[in-house]
Amino acid sequence: MSGKKRVIMSAEDVDLAIQRISLQVLERNHAVERLAIVGIHTCGVYVAERIHAFIEKQMKKEVLFGTLDINLYRDDWSLVSQNPVVKTTDLPFDVDNITLVLVDDVIFTGRTIRAAMDAIMDYGRPTSVQLVSLVDRGGRELPIQPDFNGLKTSVLADERIKVLLDQGPSGGRVVIES
């Protein structure tokens, strides 16, 4: 890669996308008592934290939150790294009979989401699983589509999308690196 970066979502775009996604999740899921927001490590967790905070603020109720590591569930982990870095899965609630909103920063091939669903099923059986991605870059290898997303775009095969979120409740940007 030559190191060129092109911004495709500004801080304002990211904040508006998070708000829109959060409102769409609420519109579809009225019973927040049976709703859980789960972020996929690493960047999906940051997006999930923002969605979770927005929903709790809107509803003035606590909403279940968790994080999920999928490294050992990937079908391509040996291609990604000989020594996968395993992070902590933290699901401090019973997964059975809840609506689980699975959050990732970027959806591409669908393999991360497939691995995440395998991991979730080891913890129980949710009523439903809904998928959020901040950016959908296309290029699916598996028939997996987000229920909610902030931006749908197409990029070249040698380009990468990076979600760079600021610490805190807002800010950041999304760039394409070539």
N, C-alpha and C. Protein backbone atom coordinates (compact mmCIF):
# COMPACT_ATOMS: atom_id res chain seq x y z
N MET A 1 0.84 -1.18 0.00
CA MET A 1 0.00 0.00 0.00
C MET A 1 0.88 1.24 0.00
N SER A 2 0.44 2.23 -0.73
CA SER A 2 1.23 3.45 -0.84
C SER A 2 1.00 4.39 0.33
N GLY A 3 0.00 4.16 1.15
CA GLY A 3 -0.23 4.98 2.32
C GLY A 3 -1.17 6.15 2.10
N LYS A 4 -1.85 6.21 0.96
CA LYS A 4 -2.81 7.27 0.72
C LYS A 4 -4.06 7.02 1.54
N LYS A 5 -4.60 8.10 2.13
CA LYS A 5 -5.83 8.00 2.91
C LYS A 5 -6.85 8.97 2.36
N ARG A 6 -8.08 8.49 2.32
CA ARG A 6 -9.19 9.32 1.86
C ARG A 6 -10.32 9.18 2.87
N VAL A 7 -10.79 10.29 3.41
CA VAL A 7 -11.87 10.29 4.40
C VAL A 7 -13.20 10.06 3.69
N ILE A 8 -13.95 9.05 4.16
CA ILE A 8 -15.28 8.80 3.58
C ILE A 8 -16.40 9.10 4.57
N MET A 9 -16.05 9.22 5.85
CA MET A 9 -17.01 9.66 6.87
C MET A 9 -16.28 10.57 7.84
N SER A 10 -16.80 11.77 7.98
CA SER A 10 -16.23 12.73 8.95
C SER A 10 -16.75 12.38 10.34
N ALA A 11 -16.27 13.11 11.34
CA ALA A 11 -16.74 12.92 12.71
C ALA A 11 -18.25 13.14 12.79
N GLU A 12 -18.74 14.16 12.12
CA GLU A 12 -20.18 14.43 12.11
C GLU A 12 -20.94 13.29 11.43
N ASP A 13 -20.40 12.79 10.32
CA ASP A 13 -21.04 11.66 9.62
C ASP A 13 -21.13 10.43 10.52
N VAL A 14 -20.04 10.15 11.25
CA VAL A 14 -20.02 8.99 12.15
C VAL A 14 -21.07 9.17 13.25
N ASP A 15 -21.11 10.35 13.86
CA ASP A 15 -22.08 10.60 14.93
C ASP A 15 -23.50 10.47 14.42
N LEU A 16 -23.79 11.03 13.25
CA LEU A 16 -25.14 10.93 12.69
C LEU A 16 -25.50 9.48 12.36
N ALA A 17 -24.53 8.73 11.84
CA ALA A 17 -24.79 7.32 11.51
C ALA A 17 -25.09 6.52 12.77
N ILE A 18 -24.35 6.77 13.84
CA ILE A 18 -24.58 6.07 15.11
C ILE A 18 -25.99 6.40 15.63
N GLN A 19 -26.35 7.66 15.57
CA GLN A 19 -27.69 8.05 16.03
C GLN A 19 -28.78 7.40 15.19
N ARG A 20 -28.62 7.42 13.87
CA ARG A 20 -29.61 6.84 12.97
C ARG A 20 -29.75 5.34 13.20
N ILE A 21 -28.62 4.64 13.28
CA ILE A 21 -28.64 3.20 13.53
C ILE A 21 -29.33 2.91 14.85
N SER A 22 -28.98 3.66 15.88
CA SER A 22 -29.57 3.45 17.20
C SER A 22 -31.08 3.63 17.18
N LEU A 23 -31.54 4.66 16.51
CA LEU A 23 -32.98 4.90 16.41
C LEU A 23 -33.68 3.79 15.61
N GLN A 24 -33.02 3.28 14.58
CA GLN A 24 -33.59 2.18 13.81
C GLN A 24 -33.68 0.91 14.65
N VAL A 25 -32.66 0.66 15.46
CA VAL A 25 -32.69 -0.50 16.36
C VAL A 25 -33.86 -0.36 17.33
N LEU A 26 -34.04 0.83 17.89
CA LEU A 26 -35.15 1.08 18.81
C LEU A 26 -36.50 0.93 18.12
N GLU A 27 -36.58 1.41 16.91
CA GLU A 27 -37.85 1.32 16.17
C GLU A 27 -38.25 -0.14 15.94
N ARG A 28 -37.30 -0.98 15.68
CA ARG A 28 -37.59 -2.39 15.44
C ARG A 28 -37.78 -3.18 16.73
N ASN A 29 -37.15 -2.73 17.81
CA ASN A 29 -37.14 -3.49 19.06
C ASN A 29 -37.68 -2.64 20.20
N HIS A 30 -38.95 -2.74 20.44
CA HIS A 30 -39.58 -1.92 21.47
C HIS A 30 -39.28 -2.42 22.88
N ALA A 31 -39.07 -3.70 23.05
CA ALA A 31 -38.85 -4.27 24.39
C ALA A 31 -37.36 -4.26 24.71
N VAL A 32 -36.85 -3.12 25.15
CA VAL A 32 -35.42 -3.01 25.43
C VAL A 32 -35.00 -3.88 26.61
N GLU A 33 -35.97 -4.34 27.41
CA GLU A 33 -35.64 -5.22 28.54
C GLU A 33 -35.07 -6.56 28.04
N ARG A 34 -35.39 -6.94 26.82
CA ARG A 34 -34.92 -8.20 26.23
C ARG A 34 -33.96 -7.94 25.08
N LEU A 35 -33.29 -6.79 25.11
CA LEU A 35 -32.37 -6.39 24.06
C LEU A 35 -30.95 -6.36 24.60
N ALA A 36 -30.00 -6.87 23.82
CA ALA A 36 -28.59 -6.81 24.20
C ALA A 36 -27.78 -6.31 23.02
N ILE A 37 -26.88 -5.39 23.29
CA ILE A 37 -25.95 -4.87 22.28
C ILE A 37 -24.61 -5.55 22.54
N VAL A 38 -24.08 -6.22 21.51
CA VAL A 38 -22.82 -6.96 21.65
C VAL A 38 -21.86 -6.53 20.54
N GLY A 39 -20.71 -6.01 20.95
CA GLY A 39 -19.69 -5.58 20.01
C GLY A 39 -18.65 -6.66 19.77
N ILE A 40 -18.24 -6.80 18.51
CA ILE A 40 -17.19 -7.76 18.13
C ILE A 40 -15.85 -7.06 18.26
N HIS A 41 -14.93 -7.70 19.00
CA HIS A 41 -13.59 -7.14 19.16
C HIS A 41 -12.91 -6.99 17.83
N THR A 42 -12.23 -5.91 17.59
CA THR A 42 -11.94 -4.84 18.52
C THR A 42 -12.78 -3.62 18.20
N CYS A 43 -12.78 -3.20 16.96
CA CYS A 43 -13.45 -1.94 16.61
C CYS A 43 -14.97 -2.01 16.72
N GLY A 44 -15.55 -3.18 16.57
CA GLY A 44 -16.99 -3.31 16.74
C GLY A 44 -17.42 -2.98 18.15
N VAL A 45 -16.54 -3.21 19.11
CA VAL A 45 -16.86 -2.88 20.51
C VAL A 45 -17.02 -1.37 20.67
N TYR A 46 -16.17 -0.59 20.02
CA TYR A 46 -16.24 0.86 20.15
C TYR A 46 -17.54 1.41 19.54
N VAL A 47 -17.92 0.86 18.40
CA VAL A 47 -19.18 1.27 17.77
C VAL A 47 -20.34 0.85 18.65
N ALA A 48 -20.29 -0.38 19.18
CA ALA A 48 -21.36 -0.90 20.04
C ALA A 48 -21.51 -0.05 21.31
N GLU A 49 -20.40 0.39 21.88
CA GLU A 49 -20.47 1.23 23.09
C GLU A 49 -21.25 2.51 22.82
N ARG A 50 -21.03 3.09 21.66
CA ARG A 50 -21.74 4.33 21.32
C ARG A 50 -23.22 4.08 21.08
N ILE A 51 -23.54 3.00 20.39
CA ILE A 51 -24.94 2.66 20.16
C ILE A 51 -25.63 2.38 21.49
N HIS A 52 -24.98 1.61 22.33
CA HIS A 52 -25.51 1.27 23.65
C HIS A 52 -25.79 2.53 24.47
N ALA A 53 -24.82 3.44 24.51
CA ALA A 53 -24.97 4.68 25.28
C ALA A 53 -26.13 5.52 24.75
N PHE A 54 -26.26 5.60 23.44
CA PHE A 54 -27.33 6.39 22.84
C PHE A 54 -28.69 5.79 23.18
N ILE A 55 -28.81 4.47 23.06
CA ILE A 55 -30.09 3.80 23.35
C ILE A 55 -30.46 3.96 24.82
N GLU A 56 -29.49 3.77 25.73
CA GLU A 56 -29.79 3.95 27.16
C GLU A 56 -30.23 5.38 27.46
N LYS A 57 -29.58 6.34 26.84
CA LYS A 57 -29.95 7.75 27.07
C LYS A 57 -31.36 8.03 26.55
N GLN A 58 -31.67 7.51 25.37
CA GLN A 58 -33.00 7.71 24.79
C GLN A 58 -34.09 7.06 25.63
N MET A 59 -33.85 5.85 26.07
CA MET A 59 -34.88 5.06 26.75
C MET A 59 -34.90 5.29 28.26
N LYS A 60 -33.82 5.88 28.78
CA LYS A 60 -33.70 6.08 30.22
C LYS A 60 -33.86 4.76 30.98
N LYS A 61 -33.31 3.71 30.39
CA LYS A 61 -33.32 2.36 30.97
C LYS A 61 -31.98 1.71 30.69
N GLU A 62 -31.62 0.77 31.56
CA GLU A 62 -30.41 -0.01 31.29
C GLU A 62 -30.68 -1.01 30.19
N VAL A 63 -29.68 -1.17 29.32
CA VAL A 63 -29.75 -2.13 28.23
C VAL A 63 -28.54 -3.05 28.36
N LEU A 64 -28.75 -4.33 28.15
CA LEU A 64 -27.66 -5.30 28.27
C LEU A 64 -26.56 -4.97 27.27
N PHE A 65 -25.30 -5.20 27.68
CA PHE A 65 -24.15 -4.93 26.82
C PHE A 65 -23.10 -6.00 27.02
N GLY A 66 -22.47 -6.40 25.93
CA GLY A 66 -21.40 -7.37 26.01
C GLY A 66 -20.40 -7.20 24.89
N THR A 67 -19.29 -7.94 25.02
CA THR A 67 -18.25 -7.94 23.99
C THR A 67 -17.95 -9.39 23.62
N LEU A 68 -17.53 -9.56 22.40
CA LEU A 68 -17.34 -10.92 21.86
C LEU A 68 -16.01 -11.01 21.11
N ASP A 69 -15.21 -11.99 21.48
CA ASP A 69 -13.99 -12.29 20.73
C ASP A 69 -14.28 -13.48 19.85
N ILE A 70 -13.94 -13.39 18.57
CA ILE A 70 -14.27 -14.46 17.63
C ILE A 70 -13.02 -15.11 17.02
N ASN A 71 -11.84 -14.74 17.48
CA ASN A 71 -10.62 -15.20 16.82
C ASN A 71 -10.53 -16.71 16.69
N LEU A 72 -10.89 -17.45 17.72
CA LEU A 72 -10.76 -18.91 17.64
C LEU A 72 -11.93 -19.56 16.89
N TYR A 73 -12.92 -18.78 16.49
CA TYR A 73 -14.06 -19.29 15.72
C TYR A 73 -13.90 -19.04 14.23
N ARG A 74 -12.89 -18.26 13.85
CA ARG A 74 -12.71 -17.92 12.44
C ARG A 74 -12.29 -19.15 11.64
N ASP A 75 -12.81 -19.28 10.43
CA ASP A 75 -12.39 -20.39 9.58
C ASP A 75 -11.09 -20.07 8.85
N ASP A 76 -10.64 -18.83 8.95
CA ASP A 76 -9.42 -18.41 8.28
C ASP A 76 -8.35 -17.91 9.25
N TRP A 77 -8.45 -18.29 10.53
CA TRP A 77 -7.52 -17.73 11.52
C TRP A 77 -6.07 -18.05 11.20
N SER A 78 -5.82 -19.20 10.60
CA SER A 78 -4.42 -19.54 10.28
C SER A 78 -3.89 -18.68 9.13
N LEU A 79 -4.78 -18.14 8.31
CA LEU A 79 -4.35 -17.24 7.24
C LEU A 79 -4.11 -15.83 7.77
N VAL A 80 -4.86 -15.46 8.80
CA VAL A 80 -4.74 -14.13 9.38
C VAL A 80 -3.47 -14.03 10.22
N SER A 81 -3.23 -15.06 11.04
CA SER A 81 -2.06 -15.03 11.93
C SER A 81 -1.80 -16.43 12.45
N GLN A 82 -0.54 -16.79 12.60
CA GLN A 82 -0.19 -18.08 13.18
C GLN A 82 -0.52 -18.12 14.66
N ASN A 83 -0.47 -16.95 15.32
CA ASN A 83 -0.77 -16.83 16.74
C ASN A 83 -1.85 -15.78 16.95
N PRO A 84 -3.12 -16.19 16.85
CA PRO A 84 -4.18 -15.19 17.01
C PRO A 84 -4.17 -14.58 18.41
N VAL A 85 -4.42 -13.28 18.46
CA VAL A 85 -4.50 -12.58 19.74
C VAL A 85 -5.92 -12.75 20.27
N VAL A 86 -6.05 -13.48 21.35
CA VAL A 86 -7.37 -13.75 21.90
C VAL A 86 -7.71 -12.67 22.92
N LYS A 87 -8.86 -12.06 22.72
CA LYS A 87 -9.33 -11.03 23.64
C LYS A 87 -10.41 -11.64 24.52
N THR A 88 -10.99 -10.85 25.39
CA THR A 88 -11.97 -11.35 26.33
C THR A 88 -13.38 -11.25 25.77
N THR A 89 -14.11 -12.34 25.87
CA THR A 89 -15.55 -12.30 25.63
C THR A 89 -16.19 -12.00 26.97
N ASP A 90 -17.07 -11.01 26.99
CA ASP A 90 -17.75 -10.62 28.22
C ASP A 90 -19.24 -10.50 27.91
N LEU A 91 -19.98 -11.56 28.23
CA LEU A 91 -21.42 -11.56 28.07
C LEU A 91 -22.04 -11.78 29.45
N PRO A 92 -22.21 -10.70 30.24
CA PRO A 92 -22.66 -10.82 31.62
C PRO A 92 -24.18 -10.96 31.75
N PHE A 93 -24.76 -11.73 30.86
CA PHE A 93 -26.21 -11.96 30.85
C PHE A 93 -26.46 -13.29 30.15
N ASP A 94 -27.64 -13.81 30.33
CA ASP A 94 -28.07 -15.05 29.68
C ASP A 94 -28.48 -14.71 28.25
N VAL A 95 -27.87 -15.35 27.30
CA VAL A 95 -28.12 -15.08 25.89
C VAL A 95 -29.47 -15.67 25.43
N ASP A 96 -29.96 -16.67 26.14
CA ASP A 96 -31.22 -17.31 25.75
C ASP A 96 -32.38 -16.32 25.75
N ASN A 97 -33.18 -16.40 24.72
CA ASN A 97 -34.45 -15.66 24.63
C ASN A 97 -34.33 -14.14 24.68
N ILE A 98 -33.25 -13.61 24.15
CA ILE A 98 -33.13 -12.16 24.01
C ILE A 98 -32.93 -11.82 22.54
N THR A 99 -33.15 -10.56 22.22
CA THR A 99 -32.81 -10.05 20.89
C THR A 99 -31.39 -9.51 21.00
N LEU A 100 -30.50 -10.11 20.25
CA LEU A 100 -29.08 -9.75 20.33
C LEU A 100 -28.72 -8.93 19.10
N VAL A 101 -28.23 -7.73 19.33
CA VAL A 101 -27.79 -6.85 18.25
C VAL A 101 -26.27 -6.95 18.20
N LEU A 102 -25.77 -7.60 17.17
CA LEU A 102 -24.35 -7.85 16.98
C LEU A 102 -23.77 -6.69 16.17
N VAL A 103 -22.68 -6.09 16.68
CA VAL A 103 -22.14 -4.86 16.07
C VAL A 103 -20.70 -5.07 15.63
N ASP A 104 -20.43 -4.71 14.38
CA ASP A 104 -19.05 -4.67 13.88
C ASP A 104 -18.84 -3.35 13.17
N ASP A 105 -17.59 -2.95 13.04
CA ASP A 105 -17.31 -1.66 12.41
C ASP A 105 -17.49 -1.72 10.90
N VAL A 106 -16.93 -2.76 10.26
CA VAL A 106 -16.99 -2.89 8.81
C VAL A 106 -17.39 -4.32 8.48
N ILE A 107 -18.33 -4.47 7.55
CA ILE A 107 -18.65 -5.80 7.04
C ILE A 107 -18.08 -5.90 5.64
N PHE A 108 -17.41 -7.03 5.40
CA PHE A 108 -16.77 -7.26 4.10
C PHE A 108 -17.20 -8.63 3.60
N THR A 109 -16.44 -9.66 3.89
CA THR A 109 -16.74 -10.99 3.35
C THR A 109 -17.90 -11.69 4.05
N GLY A 110 -18.15 -11.33 5.31
CA GLY A 110 -19.18 -12.01 6.11
C GLY A 110 -18.60 -13.07 7.02
N ARG A 111 -17.32 -13.36 6.89
CA ARG A 111 -16.70 -14.42 7.69
C ARG A 111 -16.61 -14.07 9.18
N THR A 112 -16.35 -12.81 9.49
CA THR A 112 -16.31 -12.40 10.90
C THR A 112 -17.68 -12.60 11.54
N ILE A 113 -18.72 -12.25 10.83
CA ILE A 113 -20.08 -12.37 11.37
C ILE A 113 -20.45 -13.84 11.53
N ARG A 114 -20.08 -14.68 10.59
CA ARG A 114 -20.35 -16.11 10.71
C ARG A 114 -19.66 -16.67 11.96
N ALA A 115 -18.43 -16.27 12.18
CA ALA A 115 -17.69 -16.70 13.36
C ALA A 115 -18.35 -16.18 14.63
N ALA A 116 -18.82 -14.94 14.59
CA ALA A 116 -19.49 -14.35 15.76
C ALA A 116 -20.77 -15.11 16.09
N MET A 117 -21.52 -15.49 15.09
CA MET A 117 -22.75 -16.24 15.34
C MET A 117 -22.44 -17.62 15.92
N ASP A 118 -21.38 -18.26 15.44
CA ASP A 118 -20.96 -19.54 16.03
C ASP A 118 -20.60 -19.35 17.50
N ALA A 119 -19.86 -18.29 17.80
CA ALA A 119 -19.47 -18.02 19.19
C ALA A 119 -20.69 -17.77 20.07
N ILE A 120 -21.61 -16.97 19.59
CA ILE A 120 -22.83 -16.66 20.36
C ILE A 120 -23.60 -17.94 20.68
N MET A 121 -23.71 -18.83 19.73
CA MET A 121 -24.49 -20.06 19.94
C MET A 121 -23.86 -20.96 21.01
N ASP A 122 -22.57 -20.78 21.28
CA ASP A 122 -21.95 -21.52 22.38
C ASP A 122 -22.41 -21.00 23.74
N TYR A 123 -22.98 -19.80 23.76
CA TYR A 123 -23.46 -19.20 25.01
C TYR A 123 -24.97 -19.37 25.21
N GLY A 124 -25.66 -19.73 24.17
CA GLY A 124 -27.11 -19.91 24.28
C GLY A 124 -27.79 -19.62 22.97
N ARG A 125 -29.11 -19.55 23.05
CA ARG A 125 -29.90 -19.35 21.84
C ARG A 125 -30.75 -18.09 21.97
N PRO A 126 -30.31 -17.00 21.32
CA PRO A 126 -31.12 -15.78 21.35
C PRO A 126 -32.40 -15.96 20.54
N THR A 127 -33.39 -15.13 20.85
CA THR A 127 -34.63 -15.12 20.07
C THR A 127 -34.33 -14.74 18.63
N SER A 128 -33.49 -13.71 18.47
CA SER A 128 -33.05 -13.30 17.14
C SER A 128 -31.71 -12.61 17.25
N VAL A 129 -31.00 -12.59 16.14
CA VAL A 129 -29.73 -11.87 16.04
C VAL A 129 -29.89 -10.86 14.91
N GLN A 130 -29.64 -9.61 15.23
CA GLN A 130 -29.68 -8.54 14.23
C GLN A 130 -28.26 -8.00 14.09
N LEU A 131 -27.92 -7.60 12.88
CA LEU A 131 -26.55 -7.19 12.59
C LEU A 131 -26.46 -5.71 12.26
N VAL A 132 -25.50 -5.05 12.92
CA VAL A 132 -25.18 -3.65 12.66
C VAL A 132 -23.75 -3.58 12.13
N SER A 133 -23.55 -2.80 11.08
CA SER A 133 -22.20 -2.45 10.66
C SER A 133 -22.17 -0.95 10.39
N LEU A 134 -21.12 -0.31 10.84
CA LEU A 134 -21.00 1.12 10.56
C LEU A 134 -20.78 1.33 9.07
N VAL A 135 -19.96 0.45 8.45
CA VAL A 135 -19.67 0.56 7.02
C VAL A 135 -19.84 -0.81 6.37
N ASP A 136 -20.57 -0.84 5.27
CA ASP A 136 -20.71 -2.05 4.45
C ASP A 136 -19.91 -1.80 3.19
N ARG A 137 -18.82 -2.54 3.03
CA ARG A 137 -17.95 -2.33 1.87
C ARG A 137 -18.22 -3.30 0.73
N GLY A 138 -19.26 -4.14 0.87
CA GLY A 138 -19.57 -5.09 -0.19
C GLY A 138 -18.54 -6.21 -0.21
N GLY A 139 -18.56 -7.01 -1.25
CA GLY A 139 -17.57 -8.07 -1.42
C GLY A 139 -17.86 -9.33 -0.62
N ARG A 140 -19.13 -9.60 -0.36
CA ARG A 140 -19.51 -10.74 0.46
C ARG A 140 -19.12 -12.06 -0.16
N GLU A 141 -18.60 -12.96 0.67
CA GLU A 141 -18.33 -14.35 0.30
C GLU A 141 -19.40 -15.27 0.87
N LEU A 142 -20.12 -14.77 1.88
CA LEU A 142 -21.19 -15.53 2.51
C LEU A 142 -22.48 -14.72 2.43
N PRO A 143 -23.63 -15.38 2.42
CA PRO A 143 -24.90 -14.64 2.29
C PRO A 143 -25.34 -14.00 3.61
N ILE A 144 -24.58 -13.02 4.04
CA ILE A 144 -24.84 -12.32 5.31
C ILE A 144 -24.95 -10.83 4.99
N GLN A 145 -26.04 -10.22 5.44
CA GLN A 145 -26.27 -8.79 5.19
C GLN A 145 -26.61 -8.09 6.50
N PRO A 146 -26.13 -6.87 6.69
CA PRO A 146 -26.49 -6.13 7.91
C PRO A 146 -27.95 -5.70 7.89
N ASP A 147 -28.57 -5.73 9.06
CA ASP A 147 -29.92 -5.20 9.20
C ASP A 147 -29.89 -3.68 9.24
N PHE A 148 -28.82 -3.14 9.80
CA PHE A 148 -28.66 -1.69 9.95
C PHE A 148 -27.22 -1.35 9.59
N ASN A 149 -27.02 -0.28 8.80
CA ASN A 149 -25.65 0.17 8.59
C ASN A 149 -25.61 1.66 8.34
N GLY A 150 -24.45 2.22 8.59
CA GLY A 150 -24.26 3.66 8.48
C GLY A 150 -23.94 4.13 7.08
N LEU A 151 -23.14 3.34 6.36
CA LEU A 151 -22.70 3.73 5.02
C LEU A 151 -22.44 2.48 4.21
N LYS A 152 -22.93 2.47 2.99
CA LYS A 152 -22.63 1.39 2.06
C LYS A 152 -21.76 1.98 0.97
N THR A 153 -20.61 1.36 0.72
CA THR A 153 -19.68 1.89 -0.26
C THR A 153 -18.98 0.74 -0.96
N SER A 154 -18.33 1.03 -2.05
CA SER A 154 -17.52 0.05 -2.76
C SER A 154 -16.08 0.55 -2.78
N VAL A 155 -15.17 -0.37 -2.57
CA VAL A 155 -13.75 -0.02 -2.63
C VAL A 155 -13.03 -1.06 -3.47
N LEU A 156 -11.85 -0.72 -3.92
CA LEU A 156 -11.05 -1.65 -4.71
C LEU A 156 -10.52 -2.77 -3.82
N ALA A 157 -10.16 -3.88 -4.42
CA ALA A 157 -9.71 -5.06 -3.66
C ALA A 157 -8.49 -4.77 -2.81
N ASP A 158 -7.60 -3.88 -3.26
CA ASP A 158 -6.38 -3.60 -2.50
C ASP A 158 -6.53 -2.45 -1.51
N GLU A 159 -7.75 -1.94 -1.36
CA GLU A 159 -7.99 -0.86 -0.42
C GLU A 159 -8.57 -1.40 0.88
N ARG A 160 -8.27 -0.71 1.99
CA ARG A 160 -8.80 -1.09 3.31
C ARG A 160 -9.61 0.06 3.87
N ILE A 161 -10.67 -0.28 4.57
CA ILE A 161 -11.45 0.73 5.27
C ILE A 161 -11.05 0.66 6.73
N LYS A 162 -10.73 1.81 7.30
CA LYS A 162 -10.38 1.88 8.71
C LYS A 162 -11.33 2.83 9.42
N VAL A 163 -11.89 2.33 10.52
CA VAL A 163 -12.74 3.14 11.36
C VAL A 163 -11.87 3.64 12.51
N LEU A 164 -11.72 4.94 12.59
CA LEU A 164 -10.86 5.57 13.60
C LEU A 164 -11.75 6.40 14.51
N LEU A 165 -12.14 5.81 15.64
CA LEU A 165 -13.04 6.50 16.55
C LEU A 165 -12.25 7.18 17.66
N ASP A 166 -12.67 8.39 18.00
CA ASP A 166 -12.09 9.09 19.13
C ASP A 166 -12.59 8.45 20.42
N GLN A 167 -11.82 8.58 21.49
CA GLN A 167 -12.31 8.11 22.78
C GLN A 167 -13.46 9.02 23.19
N GLY A 168 -14.41 8.44 23.86
CA GLY A 168 -15.55 9.22 24.29
C GLY A 168 -16.78 8.91 23.47
N PRO A 169 -17.84 9.69 23.67
CA PRO A 169 -19.13 9.38 23.09
C PRO A 169 -19.32 9.81 21.64
N SER A 170 -18.36 10.56 21.07
CA SER A 170 -18.55 10.99 19.69
C SER A 170 -17.19 11.23 19.03
N GLY A 171 -17.27 11.57 17.75
CA GLY A 171 -16.08 11.91 16.99
C GLY A 171 -15.43 10.71 16.32
N GLY A 172 -14.44 11.00 15.51
CA GLY A 172 -13.74 9.98 14.76
C GLY A 172 -13.93 10.20 13.28
N ARG A 173 -13.49 9.23 12.50
CA ARG A 173 -13.66 9.30 11.05
C ARG A 173 -13.47 7.91 10.46
N VAL A 174 -13.86 7.77 9.23
CA VAL A 174 -13.66 6.52 8.51
C VAL A 174 -12.87 6.87 7.26
N VAL A 175 -11.77 6.12 7.03
CA VAL A 175 -10.90 6.40 5.90
C VAL A 175 -10.72 5.15 5.06
N ILE A 176 -10.40 5.39 3.81
CA ILE A 176 -9.98 4.33 2.89
C ILE A 176 -8.49 4.50 2.72
N GLU A 177 -7.76 3.41 2.93
CA GLU A 177 -6.30 3.42 2.72
C GLU A 177 -6.00 2.62 1.47
N SER A 178 -5.13 3.19 0.66
CA SER A 178 -4.72 2.48 -0.58
C SER A 178 -3.22 2.40 -0.65
